[in-house]
Amino acid sequence: MAKVSPIEFFRQVRQETAKVTWPSRKETLVTTAMVFLMGLVAALFFFTVDSILRLGVQLVLGMGS
């Protein structure tokens, strides 16, 4: 790989950054909300499955109250 001067490197970085299509504010907010919502759904799902499995193990091992 050929060596590039720091000035040339930063010029190339600026050129590449200009090509990026940045999301709009609305797209960012919607995506953020969806990530939080899906995280909450996953947490509730795993909490429910964990509770059911815990209850099942307690019943099988005779520790159920």
PDB file of N, CA and C in Angstrom:
ATOM      1  N   MET A   1       0.840  -1.179   0.000  1.00  0.00           N
ATOM      2  CA  MET A   1       0.000   0.000   0.000  1.00  0.00           C
ATOM      3  C   MET A   1       0.886   1.244   0.000  1.00  0.00           C
ATOM      4  N   ALA A   2       0.572   2.175  -0.851  1.00  0.00           N
ATOM      5  CA  ALA A   2       1.388   3.375  -0.978  1.00  0.00           C
ATOM      6  C   ALA A   2       1.142   4.319   0.188  1.00  0.00           C
ATOM      7  N   LYS A   3       2.219   4.980   0.617  1.00  0.00           N
ATOM      8  CA  LYS A   3       2.083   5.951   1.705  1.00  0.00           C
ATOM      9  C   LYS A   3       1.438   7.219   1.165  1.00  0.00           C
ATOM     10  N   VAL A   4       0.581   7.781   1.994  1.00  0.00           N
ATOM     11  CA  VAL A   4      -0.120   9.014   1.623  1.00  0.00           C
ATOM     12  C   VAL A   4       0.164  10.030   2.717  1.00  0.00           C
ATOM     13  N   SER A   5       0.415  11.271   2.322  1.00  0.00           N
ATOM     14  CA  SER A   5       0.692  12.309   3.310  1.00  0.00           C
ATOM     15  C   SER A   5      -0.568  12.574   4.141  1.00  0.00           C
ATOM     16  N   PRO A   6      -0.399  13.038   5.354  1.00  0.00           N
ATOM     17  CA  PRO A   6      -1.568  13.323   6.200  1.00  0.00           C
ATOM     18  C   PRO A   6      -2.536  14.325   5.551  1.00  0.00           C
ATOM     19  N   ILE A   7      -2.023  15.293   4.863  1.00  0.00           N
ATOM     20  CA  ILE A   7      -2.893  16.285   4.207  1.00  0.00           C
ATOM     21  C   ILE A   7      -3.725  15.611   3.124  1.00  0.00           C
ATOM     22  N   GLU A   8      -3.091  14.761   2.327  1.00  0.00           N
ATOM     23  CA  GLU A   8      -3.819  14.039   1.268  1.00  0.00           C
ATOM     24  C   GLU A   8      -4.843  13.082   1.880  1.00  0.00           C
ATOM     25  N   PHE A   9      -4.466  12.439   2.960  1.00  0.00           N
ATOM     26  CA  PHE A   9      -5.388  11.520   3.635  1.00  0.00           C
ATOM     27  C   PHE A   9      -6.659  12.255   4.061  1.00  0.00           C
ATOM     28  N   PHE A  10      -6.501  13.390   4.731  1.00  0.00           N
ATOM     29  CA  PHE A  10      -7.674  14.131   5.200  1.00  0.00           C
ATOM     30  C   PHE A  10      -8.489  14.689   4.042  1.00  0.00           C
ATOM     31  N   ARG A  11      -7.842  15.016   2.943  1.00  0.00           N
ATOM     32  CA  ARG A  11      -8.581  15.464   1.759  1.00  0.00           C
ATOM     33  C   ARG A  11      -9.447  14.331   1.220  1.00  0.00           C
ATOM     34  N   GLN A  12      -8.887  13.129   1.176  1.00  0.00           N
ATOM     35  CA  GLN A  12      -9.644  11.971   0.706  1.00  0.00           C
ATOM     36  C   GLN A  12     -10.795  11.634   1.654  1.00  0.00           C
ATOM     37  N   VAL A  13     -10.544  11.758   2.947  1.00  0.00           N
ATOM     38  CA  VAL A  13     -11.600  11.504   3.933  1.00  0.00           C
ATOM     39  C   VAL A  13     -12.743  12.478   3.717  1.00  0.00           C
ATOM     40  N   ARG A  14     -12.433  13.748   3.491  1.00  0.00           N
ATOM     41  CA  ARG A  14     -13.472  14.754   3.268  1.00  0.00           C
ATOM     42  C   ARG A  14     -14.268  14.453   2.002  1.00  0.00           C
ATOM     43  N   GLN A  15     -13.586  14.011   0.958  1.00  0.00           N
ATOM     44  CA  GLN A  15     -14.274  13.654  -0.290  1.00  0.00           C
ATOM     45  C   GLN A  15     -15.238  12.477  -0.055  1.00  0.00           C
ATOM     46  N   GLU A  16     -14.779  11.461   0.655  1.00  0.00           N
ATOM     47  CA  GLU A  16     -15.624  10.294   0.905  1.00  0.00           C
ATOM     48  C   GLU A  16     -16.800  10.645   1.813  1.00  0.00           C
ATOM     49  N   THR A  17     -16.564  11.491   2.811  1.00  0.00           N
ATOM     50  CA  THR A  17     -17.638  11.895   3.719  1.00  0.00           C
ATOM     51  C   THR A  17     -18.723  12.661   2.964  1.00  0.00           C
ATOM     52  N   ALA A  18     -18.344  13.420   1.955  1.00  0.00           N
ATOM     53  CA  ALA A  18     -19.323  14.174   1.167  1.00  0.00           C
ATOM     54  C   ALA A  18     -20.241  13.238   0.378  1.00  0.00           C
ATOM     55  N   LYS A  19     -19.808  12.013   0.127  1.00  0.00           N
ATOM     56  CA  LYS A  19     -20.611  11.054  -0.644  1.00  0.00           C
ATOM     57  C   LYS A  19     -21.660  10.343   0.213  1.00  0.00           C
ATOM     58  N   VAL A  20     -21.530  10.448   1.529  1.00  0.00           N
ATOM     59  CA  VAL A  20     -22.427   9.742   2.435  1.00  0.00           C
ATOM     60  C   VAL A  20     -23.825  10.351   2.372  1.00  0.00           C
ATOM     61  N   THR A  21     -24.837   9.489   2.328  1.00  0.00           N
ATOM     62  CA  THR A  21     -26.220   9.954   2.399  1.00  0.00           C
ATOM     63  C   THR A  21     -26.653   9.850   3.856  1.00  0.00           C
ATOM     64  N   TRP A  22     -26.739  10.989   4.515  1.00  0.00           N
ATOM     65  CA  TRP A  22     -27.070  11.015   5.930  1.00  0.00           C
ATOM     66  C   TRP A  22     -28.579  10.922   6.110  1.00  0.00           C
ATOM     67  N   PRO A  23     -29.053  10.218   7.145  1.00  0.00           N
ATOM     68  CA  PRO A  23     -30.503  10.116   7.381  1.00  0.00           C
ATOM     69  C   PRO A  23     -31.067  11.452   7.857  1.00  0.00           C
ATOM     70  N   SER A  24     -32.345  11.654   7.559  1.00  0.00           N
ATOM     71  CA  SER A  24     -33.003  12.873   8.022  1.00  0.00           C
ATOM     72  C   SER A  24     -33.268  12.755   9.520  1.00  0.00           C
ATOM     73  N   ARG A  25     -33.650  13.871  10.122  1.00  0.00           N
ATOM     74  CA  ARG A  25     -33.958  13.867  11.556  1.00  0.00           C
ATOM     75  C   ARG A  25     -35.119  12.918  11.844  1.00  0.00           C
ATOM     76  N   LYS A  26     -36.138  12.947  10.978  1.00  0.00           N
ATOM     77  CA  LYS A  26     -37.300  12.080  11.174  1.00  0.00           C
ATOM     78  C   LYS A  26     -36.894  10.613  11.097  1.00  0.00           C
ATOM     79  N   GLU A  27     -36.082  10.243  10.097  1.00  0.00           N
ATOM     80  CA  GLU A  27     -35.626   8.855   9.966  1.00  0.00           C
ATOM     81  C   GLU A  27     -34.850   8.417  11.203  1.00  0.00           C
ATOM     82  N   THR A  28     -34.024   9.302  11.733  1.00  0.00           N
ATOM     83  CA  THR A  28     -33.234   8.977  12.916  1.00  0.00           C
ATOM     84  C   THR A  28     -34.135   8.756  14.127  1.00  0.00           C
ATOM     85  N   LEU A  29     -35.122   9.629  14.308  1.00  0.00           N
ATOM     86  CA  LEU A  29     -36.036   9.492  15.452  1.00  0.00           C
ATOM     87  C   LEU A  29     -36.876   8.225  15.337  1.00  0.00           C
ATOM     88  N   VAL A  30     -37.375   7.916  14.136  1.00  0.00           N
ATOM     89  CA  VAL A  30     -38.189   6.713  13.952  1.00  0.00           C
ATOM     90  C   VAL A  30     -37.341   5.464  14.210  1.00  0.00           C
ATOM     91  N   THR A  31     -36.141   5.445  13.694  1.00  0.00           N
ATOM     92  CA  THR A  31     -35.257   4.294  13.890  1.00  0.00           C
ATOM     93  C   THR A  31     -34.920   4.122  15.374  1.00  0.00           C
ATOM     94  N   THR A  32     -34.641   5.225  16.058  1.00  0.00           N
ATOM     95  CA  THR A  32     -34.338   5.167  17.486  1.00  0.00           C
ATOM     96  C   THR A  32     -35.527   4.623  18.265  1.00  0.00           C
ATOM     97  N   ALA A  33     -36.721   5.102  17.951  1.00  0.00           N
ATOM     98  CA  ALA A  33     -37.927   4.624  18.633  1.00  0.00           C
ATOM     99  C   ALA A  33     -38.128   3.132  18.389  1.00  0.00           C
ATOM    100  N   MET A  34     -37.889   2.677  17.173  1.00  0.00           N
ATOM    101  CA  MET A  34     -38.050   1.257  16.860  1.00  0.00           C
ATOM    102  C   MET A  34     -37.041   0.403  17.617  1.00  0.00           C
ATOM    103  N   VAL A  35     -35.829   0.885  17.762  1.00  0.00           N
ATOM    104  CA  VAL A  35     -34.814   0.136  18.512  1.00  0.00           C
ATOM    105  C   VAL A  35     -35.239  -0.007  19.972  1.00  0.00           C
ATOM    106  N   PHE A  36     -35.721   1.082  20.578  1.00  0.00           N
ATOM    107  CA  PHE A  36     -36.183   1.009  21.964  1.00  0.00           C
ATOM    108  C   PHE A  36     -37.394   0.086  22.087  1.00  0.00           C
ATOM    109  N   LEU A  37     -38.322   0.179  21.157  1.00  0.00           N
ATOM    110  CA  LEU A  37     -39.512  -0.662  21.194  1.00  0.00           C
ATOM    111  C   LEU A  37     -39.146  -2.141  21.072  1.00  0.00           C
ATOM    112  N   MET A  38     -38.283  -2.467  20.123  1.00  0.00           N
ATOM    113  CA  MET A  38     -37.884  -3.864  19.938  1.00  0.00           C
ATOM    114  C   MET A  38     -37.083  -4.365  21.144  1.00  0.00           C
ATOM    115  N   GLY A  39     -36.295  -3.496  21.762  1.00  0.00           N
ATOM    116  CA  GLY A  39     -35.580  -3.877  22.983  1.00  0.00           C
ATOM    117  C   GLY A  39     -36.549  -4.196  24.110  1.00  0.00           C
ATOM    118  N   LEU A  40     -37.598  -3.376  24.235  1.00  0.00           N
ATOM    119  CA  LEU A  40     -38.618  -3.625  25.256  1.00  0.00           C
ATOM    120  C   LEU A  40     -39.368  -4.927  24.987  1.00  0.00           C
ATOM    121  N   VAL A  41     -39.732  -5.170  23.736  1.00  0.00           N
ATOM    122  CA  VAL A  41     -40.430  -6.408  23.370  1.00  0.00           C
ATOM    123  C   VAL A  41     -39.546  -7.619  23.683  1.00  0.00           C
ATOM    124  N   ALA A  42     -38.276  -7.542  23.333  1.00  0.00           N
ATOM    125  CA  ALA A  42     -37.360  -8.651  23.601  1.00  0.00           C
ATOM    126  C   ALA A  42     -37.207  -8.876  25.105  1.00  0.00           C
ATOM    127  N   ALA A  43     -37.087  -7.785  25.873  1.00  0.00           N
ATOM    128  CA  ALA A  43     -36.946  -7.914  27.331  1.00  0.00           C
ATOM    129  C   ALA A  43     -38.184  -8.570  27.933  1.00  0.00           C
ATOM    130  N   LEU A  44     -39.367  -8.156  27.511  1.00  0.00           N
ATOM    131  CA  LEU A  44     -40.599  -8.752  28.027  1.00  0.00           C
ATOM    132  C   LEU A  44     -40.710 -10.225  27.642  1.00  0.00           C
ATOM    133  N   PHE A  45     -40.333 -10.543  26.409  1.00  0.00           N
ATOM    134  CA  PHE A  45     -40.367 -11.931  25.951  1.00  0.00           C
ATOM    135  C   PHE A  45     -39.454 -12.810  26.804  1.00  0.00           C
ATOM    136  N   PHE A  46     -38.200 -12.384  26.981  1.00  0.00           N
ATOM    137  CA  PHE A  46     -37.251 -13.202  27.738  1.00  0.00           C
ATOM    138  C   PHE A  46     -37.620 -13.270  29.214  1.00  0.00           C
ATOM    139  N   PHE A  47     -38.190 -12.203  29.771  1.00  0.00           N
ATOM    140  CA  PHE A  47     -38.660 -12.236  31.154  1.00  0.00           C
ATOM    141  C   PHE A  47     -39.772 -13.276  31.309  1.00  0.00           C
ATOM    142  N   THR A  48     -40.698 -13.288  30.353  1.00  0.00           N
ATOM    143  CA  THR A  48     -41.807 -14.243  30.405  1.00  0.00           C
ATOM    144  C   THR A  48     -41.303 -15.685  30.278  1.00  0.00           C
ATOM    145  N   VAL A  49     -40.450 -15.932  29.302  1.00  0.00           N
ATOM    146  CA  VAL A  49     -39.905 -17.285  29.113  1.00  0.00           C
ATOM    147  C   VAL A  49     -39.114 -17.718  30.343  1.00  0.00           C
ATOM    148  N   ASP A  50     -38.307 -16.821  30.890  1.00  0.00           N
ATOM    149  CA  ASP A  50     -37.517 -17.137  32.078  1.00  0.00           C
ATOM    150  C   ASP A  50     -38.423 -17.471  33.267  1.00  0.00           C
ATOM    151  N   SER A  51     -39.475 -16.699  33.444  1.00  0.00           N
ATOM    152  CA  SER A  51     -40.407 -16.951  34.557  1.00  0.00           C
ATOM    153  C   SER A  51     -41.094 -18.304  34.407  1.00  0.00           C
ATOM    154  N   ILE A  52     -41.503 -18.638  33.188  1.00  0.00           N
ATOM    155  CA  ILE A  52     -42.160 -19.927  32.942  1.00  0.00           C
ATOM    156  C   ILE A  52     -41.186 -21.080  33.186  1.00  0.00           C
ATOM    157  N   LEU A  53     -39.973 -20.952  32.685  1.00  0.00           N
ATOM    158  CA  LEU A  53     -38.981 -22.009  32.893  1.00  0.00           C
ATOM    159  C   LEU A  53     -38.631 -22.159  34.379  1.00  0.00           C
ATOM    160  N   ARG A  54     -38.502 -21.037  35.084  1.00  0.00           N
ATOM    161  CA  ARG A  54     -38.207 -21.090  36.522  1.00  0.00           C
ATOM    162  C   ARG A  54     -39.323 -21.821  37.263  1.00  0.00           C
ATOM    163  N   LEU A  55     -40.549 -21.504  36.937  1.00  0.00           N
ATOM    164  CA  LEU A  55     -41.691 -22.160  37.575  1.00  0.00           C
ATOM    165  C   LEU A  55     -41.681 -23.662  37.261  1.00  0.00           C
ATOM    166  N   GLY A  56     -41.409 -24.006  36.007  1.00  0.00           N
ATOM    167  CA  GLY A  56     -41.352 -25.418  35.625  1.00  0.00           C
ATOM    168  C   GLY A  56     -40.273 -26.167  36.358  1.00  0.00           C
ATOM    169  N   VAL A  57     -39.098 -25.601  36.484  1.00  0.00           N
ATOM    170  CA  VAL A  57     -37.988 -26.249  37.197  1.00  0.00           C
ATOM    171  C   VAL A  57     -38.337 -26.403  38.671  1.00  0.00           C
ATOM    172  N   GLN A  58     -38.924 -25.364  39.256  1.00  0.00           N
ATOM    173  CA  GLN A  58     -39.306 -25.462  40.678  1.00  0.00           C
ATOM    174  C   GLN A  58     -40.322 -26.581  40.903  1.00  0.00           C
ATOM    175  N   LEU A  59     -41.279 -26.715  39.998  1.00  0.00           N
ATOM    176  CA  LEU A  59     -42.282 -27.772  40.143  1.00  0.00           C
ATOM    177  C   LEU A  59     -41.660 -29.147  39.979  1.00  0.00           C
ATOM    178  N   VAL A  60     -40.769 -29.314  39.005  1.00  0.00           N
ATOM    179  CA  VAL A  60     -40.115 -30.604  38.765  1.00  0.00           C
ATOM    180  C   VAL A  60     -39.235 -30.997  39.939  1.00  0.00           C
ATOM    181  N   LEU A  61     -38.531 -30.063  40.508  1.00  0.00           N
ATOM    182  CA  LEU A  61     -37.613 -30.361  41.610  1.00  0.00           C
ATOM    183  C   LEU A  61     -38.301 -30.346  42.967  1.00  0.00           C
ATOM    184  N   GLY A  62     -39.606 -30.106  42.996  1.00  0.00           N
ATOM    185  CA  GLY A  62     -40.343 -30.130  44.251  1.00  0.00           C
ATOM    186  C   GLY A  62     -40.125 -28.935  45.141  1.00  0.00           C
ATOM    187  N   MET A  63     -39.633 -27.834  44.558  1.00  0.00           N
ATOM    188  CA  MET A  63     -39.390 -26.640  45.361  1.00  0.00           C
ATOM    189  C   MET A  63     -40.490 -25.610  45.208  1.00  0.00           C
ATOM    190  N   GLY A  64     -41.531 -25.981  44.487  1.00  0.00           N
ATOM    191  CA  GLY A  64     -42.608 -25.029  44.276  1.00  0.00           C
ATOM    192  C   GLY A  64     -43.340 -24.745  45.572  1.00  0.00           C
ATOM    193  N   SER A  65     -43.765 -23.500  45.723  1.00  0.00           N
ATOM    194  CA  SER A  65     -44.454 -23.188  46.970  1.00  0.00           C
ATOM    195  C   SER A  65     -45.934 -23.080  46.754  1.00  0.00           C
TER     196      SER A  65
END
